[in-house]
Amino acid sequence: METDNIIRKESSSDSGQMTFDQLDFATFCIGCVSEALHWDQRDVYVLLDESGILEDYIVKAYSYLHTLSSENITQELIDCMKFKGVLK
């Protein structure tokens, strides 16, 4: 596995690189949304990535989002997808 763009530490990276914890959390979020919508995880990933939600919200708001329950994270992301026009 290539890890050039992943830093293994718990705190956010100021270098613009995603930490291992952020990557792990993003994967968890994709799985939660996928399960709630009954969609393939790859399709959810593409929508979150192309809409900017993945990088601009899930990764950047990691310190806030990871404190929520999985149900609240899922609802927060679905609401964000609706707001961005990704979901109707």
N, C-alpha and C. Protein backbone atom coordinates (compact mmCIF):
# COMPACT_ATOMS: atom_id res chain seq x y z
N MET A 1 0.84 -1.18 0.00
CA MET A 1 0.00 0.00 0.00
C MET A 1 0.89 1.24 0.00
N GLU A 2 0.63 2.14 -0.89
CA GLU A 2 1.40 3.36 -0.96
C GLU A 2 0.88 4.35 0.07
N THR A 3 1.76 4.87 0.90
CA THR A 3 1.35 5.76 1.98
C THR A 3 2.02 7.12 1.89
N ASP A 4 2.43 7.55 0.72
CA ASP A 4 3.11 8.83 0.58
C ASP A 4 2.25 9.99 1.04
N ASN A 5 0.93 9.92 0.84
CA ASN A 5 0.05 11.03 1.17
C ASN A 5 -0.71 10.82 2.46
N ILE A 6 -0.32 9.82 3.24
CA ILE A 6 -1.00 9.53 4.50
C ILE A 6 0.02 9.62 5.62
N ILE A 7 -0.31 10.38 6.63
CA ILE A 7 0.56 10.52 7.77
C ILE A 7 -0.05 9.75 8.93
N ARG A 8 0.72 8.89 9.56
CA ARG A 8 0.20 8.08 10.66
C ARG A 8 0.40 8.84 11.96
N LYS A 9 -0.62 9.61 12.31
CA LYS A 9 -0.69 10.27 13.61
C LYS A 9 -2.12 10.66 13.84
N GLU A 10 -2.45 10.95 15.07
CA GLU A 10 -3.85 11.19 15.41
C GLU A 10 -4.30 12.61 15.09
N SER A 11 -3.45 13.59 15.24
CA SER A 11 -3.88 14.97 15.04
C SER A 11 -3.90 15.33 13.56
N SER A 12 -4.60 16.41 13.26
CA SER A 12 -4.70 16.88 11.88
C SER A 12 -3.34 17.30 11.36
N SER A 13 -3.20 17.17 10.08
CA SER A 13 -1.96 17.56 9.45
C SER A 13 -2.08 18.96 8.88
N ASP A 14 -1.11 19.80 9.16
CA ASP A 14 -1.08 21.14 8.60
C ASP A 14 -0.44 21.15 7.22
N SER A 15 0.10 20.01 6.81
CA SER A 15 0.81 19.94 5.53
C SER A 15 -0.13 19.67 4.36
N GLY A 16 -1.43 19.54 4.63
CA GLY A 16 -2.38 19.26 3.56
C GLY A 16 -2.53 17.79 3.27
N GLN A 17 -1.82 16.95 4.01
CA GLN A 17 -1.93 15.51 3.82
C GLN A 17 -2.93 14.94 4.80
N MET A 18 -3.63 13.91 4.37
CA MET A 18 -4.61 13.25 5.20
C MET A 18 -3.91 12.33 6.19
N THR A 19 -4.33 12.40 7.45
CA THR A 19 -3.76 11.49 8.44
C THR A 19 -4.40 10.11 8.29
N PHE A 20 -3.76 9.12 8.88
CA PHE A 20 -4.32 7.77 8.86
C PHE A 20 -5.70 7.76 9.52
N ASP A 21 -5.84 8.47 10.64
CA ASP A 21 -7.13 8.51 11.34
C ASP A 21 -8.21 9.15 10.48
N GLN A 22 -7.87 10.19 9.75
CA GLN A 22 -8.84 10.83 8.86
C GLN A 22 -9.24 9.88 7.73
N LEU A 23 -8.28 9.16 7.19
CA LEU A 23 -8.58 8.18 6.14
C LEU A 23 -9.49 7.08 6.67
N ASP A 24 -9.17 6.58 7.83
CA ASP A 24 -9.98 5.54 8.47
C ASP A 24 -11.39 6.04 8.73
N PHE A 25 -11.51 7.28 9.20
CA PHE A 25 -12.81 7.87 9.47
C PHE A 25 -13.60 8.09 8.19
N ALA A 26 -12.94 8.57 7.15
CA ALA A 26 -13.61 8.78 5.86
C ALA A 26 -14.17 7.47 5.33
N THR A 27 -13.41 6.40 5.47
CA THR A 27 -13.88 5.08 5.05
C THR A 27 -15.10 4.66 5.85
N PHE A 28 -15.05 4.91 7.15
CA PHE A 28 -16.19 4.61 8.02
C PHE A 28 -17.44 5.39 7.58
N CYS A 29 -17.25 6.68 7.29
CA CYS A 29 -18.37 7.54 6.86
C CYS A 29 -18.99 7.03 5.56
N ILE A 30 -18.16 6.66 4.62
CA ILE A 30 -18.64 6.14 3.35
C ILE A 30 -19.48 4.88 3.59
N GLY A 31 -19.00 4.02 4.46
CA GLY A 31 -19.74 2.80 4.79
C GLY A 31 -21.08 3.10 5.44
N CYS A 32 -21.11 4.06 6.35
CA CYS A 32 -22.36 4.43 7.04
C CYS A 32 -23.39 4.97 6.05
N VAL A 33 -22.97 5.88 5.20
CA VAL A 33 -23.88 6.47 4.22
C VAL A 33 -24.34 5.41 3.22
N SER A 34 -23.43 4.57 2.80
CA SER A 34 -23.75 3.49 1.87
C SER A 34 -24.82 2.58 2.44
N GLU A 35 -24.66 2.21 3.68
CA GLU A 35 -25.63 1.32 4.33
C GLU A 35 -26.99 2.00 4.48
N ALA A 36 -26.99 3.26 4.88
CA ALA A 36 -28.25 3.99 5.07
C ALA A 36 -29.02 4.17 3.77
N LEU A 37 -28.29 4.41 2.69
CA LEU A 37 -28.95 4.65 1.39
C LEU A 37 -29.13 3.38 0.57
N HIS A 38 -28.56 2.28 1.04
CA HIS A 38 -28.57 1.00 0.31
C HIS A 38 -27.93 1.17 -1.06
N TRP A 39 -26.78 1.86 -1.07
CA TRP A 39 -26.00 2.09 -2.28
C TRP A 39 -24.66 1.40 -2.15
N ASP A 40 -24.03 1.18 -3.29
CA ASP A 40 -22.68 0.63 -3.32
C ASP A 40 -21.71 1.67 -2.74
N GLN A 41 -20.74 1.23 -1.95
CA GLN A 41 -19.78 2.16 -1.34
C GLN A 41 -18.99 2.94 -2.38
N ARG A 42 -18.70 2.32 -3.49
CA ARG A 42 -17.96 3.03 -4.54
C ARG A 42 -18.76 4.21 -5.07
N ASP A 43 -20.08 4.03 -5.24
CA ASP A 43 -20.93 5.12 -5.72
C ASP A 43 -20.99 6.27 -4.71
N VAL A 44 -21.07 5.92 -3.43
CA VAL A 44 -21.08 6.94 -2.38
C VAL A 44 -19.76 7.69 -2.38
N TYR A 45 -18.66 6.96 -2.48
CA TYR A 45 -17.34 7.60 -2.52
C TYR A 45 -17.25 8.60 -3.67
N VAL A 46 -17.67 8.20 -4.84
CA VAL A 46 -17.59 9.08 -6.01
C VAL A 46 -18.40 10.35 -5.79
N LEU A 47 -19.62 10.21 -5.26
CA LEU A 47 -20.45 11.39 -5.02
C LEU A 47 -19.83 12.31 -3.96
N LEU A 48 -19.33 11.73 -2.89
CA LEU A 48 -18.71 12.55 -1.84
C LEU A 48 -17.43 13.22 -2.34
N ASP A 49 -16.67 12.51 -3.13
CA ASP A 49 -15.42 13.06 -3.66
C ASP A 49 -15.70 14.16 -4.67
N GLU A 50 -16.55 13.89 -5.64
CA GLU A 50 -16.82 14.87 -6.70
C GLU A 50 -17.53 16.12 -6.18
N SER A 51 -18.32 15.98 -5.13
CA SER A 51 -19.03 17.14 -4.58
C SER A 51 -18.15 17.96 -3.63
N GLY A 52 -17.00 17.43 -3.28
CA GLY A 52 -16.10 18.13 -2.36
C GLY A 52 -16.39 17.83 -0.90
N ILE A 53 -17.43 17.08 -0.62
CA ILE A 53 -17.80 16.78 0.76
C ILE A 53 -16.72 15.95 1.44
N LEU A 54 -16.11 15.06 0.73
CA LEU A 54 -15.09 14.19 1.31
C LEU A 54 -13.93 15.01 1.87
N GLU A 55 -13.32 15.81 1.04
CA GLU A 55 -12.15 16.58 1.46
C GLU A 55 -12.53 17.81 2.29
N ASP A 56 -13.52 18.56 1.82
CA ASP A 56 -13.85 19.84 2.44
C ASP A 56 -14.66 19.72 3.72
N TYR A 57 -15.30 18.58 3.94
CA TYR A 57 -16.11 18.44 5.15
C TYR A 57 -15.66 17.26 6.00
N ILE A 58 -15.66 16.06 5.45
CA ILE A 58 -15.34 14.87 6.25
C ILE A 58 -13.91 14.95 6.78
N VAL A 59 -12.97 15.27 5.93
CA VAL A 59 -11.57 15.33 6.35
C VAL A 59 -11.31 16.57 7.20
N LYS A 60 -11.76 17.71 6.74
CA LYS A 60 -11.47 18.96 7.45
C LYS A 60 -12.22 19.08 8.78
N ALA A 61 -13.41 18.50 8.87
CA ALA A 61 -14.19 18.57 10.11
C ALA A 61 -14.06 17.30 10.94
N TYR A 62 -13.01 16.54 10.68
CA TYR A 62 -12.79 15.28 11.40
C TYR A 62 -12.86 15.46 12.91
N SER A 63 -12.21 16.49 13.42
CA SER A 63 -12.14 16.66 14.88
C SER A 63 -13.53 16.84 15.49
N TYR A 64 -14.46 17.42 14.75
CA TYR A 64 -15.84 17.54 15.21
C TYR A 64 -16.65 16.28 14.91
N LEU A 65 -16.62 15.85 13.68
CA LEU A 65 -17.49 14.74 13.25
C LEU A 65 -17.20 13.44 13.99
N HIS A 66 -15.95 13.16 14.29
CA HIS A 66 -15.65 11.86 14.90
C HIS A 66 -16.15 11.75 16.34
N THR A 67 -16.63 12.87 16.90
CA THR A 67 -17.18 12.83 18.25
C THR A 67 -18.67 12.45 18.26
N LEU A 68 -19.28 12.41 17.08
CA LEU A 68 -20.71 12.11 16.97
C LEU A 68 -20.95 10.61 16.92
N SER A 69 -22.18 10.22 17.19
CA SER A 69 -22.56 8.81 17.03
C SER A 69 -22.63 8.48 15.55
N SER A 70 -22.58 7.21 15.24
CA SER A 70 -22.63 6.81 13.83
C SER A 70 -23.94 7.24 13.18
N GLU A 71 -25.02 7.21 13.95
CA GLU A 71 -26.32 7.65 13.41
C GLU A 71 -26.30 9.14 13.10
N ASN A 72 -25.71 9.94 14.00
CA ASN A 72 -25.64 11.38 13.76
C ASN A 72 -24.69 11.73 12.62
N ILE A 73 -23.59 11.00 12.52
CA ILE A 73 -22.66 11.21 11.41
C ILE A 73 -23.37 10.93 10.09
N THR A 74 -24.07 9.82 10.05
CA THR A 74 -24.77 9.43 8.82
C THR A 74 -25.80 10.48 8.44
N GLN A 75 -26.60 10.92 9.40
CA GLN A 75 -27.63 11.93 9.11
C GLN A 75 -27.00 13.25 8.70
N GLU A 76 -25.92 13.64 9.37
CA GLU A 76 -25.21 14.87 9.03
C GLU A 76 -24.70 14.84 7.59
N LEU A 77 -24.14 13.72 7.19
CA LEU A 77 -23.60 13.61 5.83
C LEU A 77 -24.71 13.54 4.78
N ILE A 78 -25.80 12.86 5.08
CA ILE A 78 -26.93 12.82 4.15
C ILE A 78 -27.52 14.22 4.00
N ASP A 79 -27.64 14.94 5.11
CA ASP A 79 -28.13 16.33 5.04
C ASP A 79 -27.19 17.20 4.21
N CYS A 80 -25.90 17.01 4.39
CA CYS A 80 -24.91 17.76 3.63
C CYS A 80 -25.02 17.43 2.14
N MET A 81 -25.22 16.16 1.82
CA MET A 81 -25.39 15.74 0.43
C MET A 81 -26.64 16.37 -0.19
N LYS A 82 -27.70 16.47 0.58
CA LYS A 82 -28.93 17.12 0.10
C LYS A 82 -28.68 18.60 -0.12
N PHE A 83 -28.01 19.24 0.82
CA PHE A 83 -27.72 20.67 0.72
C PHE A 83 -26.88 20.97 -0.52
N LYS A 84 -25.90 20.10 -0.80
CA LYS A 84 -25.02 20.29 -1.96
C LYS A 84 -25.68 19.87 -3.28
N GLY A 85 -26.88 19.27 -3.21
CA GLY A 85 -27.58 18.86 -4.41
C GLY A 85 -27.19 17.49 -4.92
N VAL A 86 -26.44 16.76 -4.12
CA VAL A 86 -26.03 15.41 -4.51
C VAL A 86 -27.19 14.43 -4.34
N LEU A 87 -28.01 14.68 -3.34
CA LEU A 87 -29.23 13.89 -3.09
C LEU A 87 -30.43 14.80 -3.17
N LYS A 88 -31.56 14.22 -3.52
CA LYS A 88 -32.80 15.02 -3.56
C LYS A 88 -33.67 14.67 -2.39
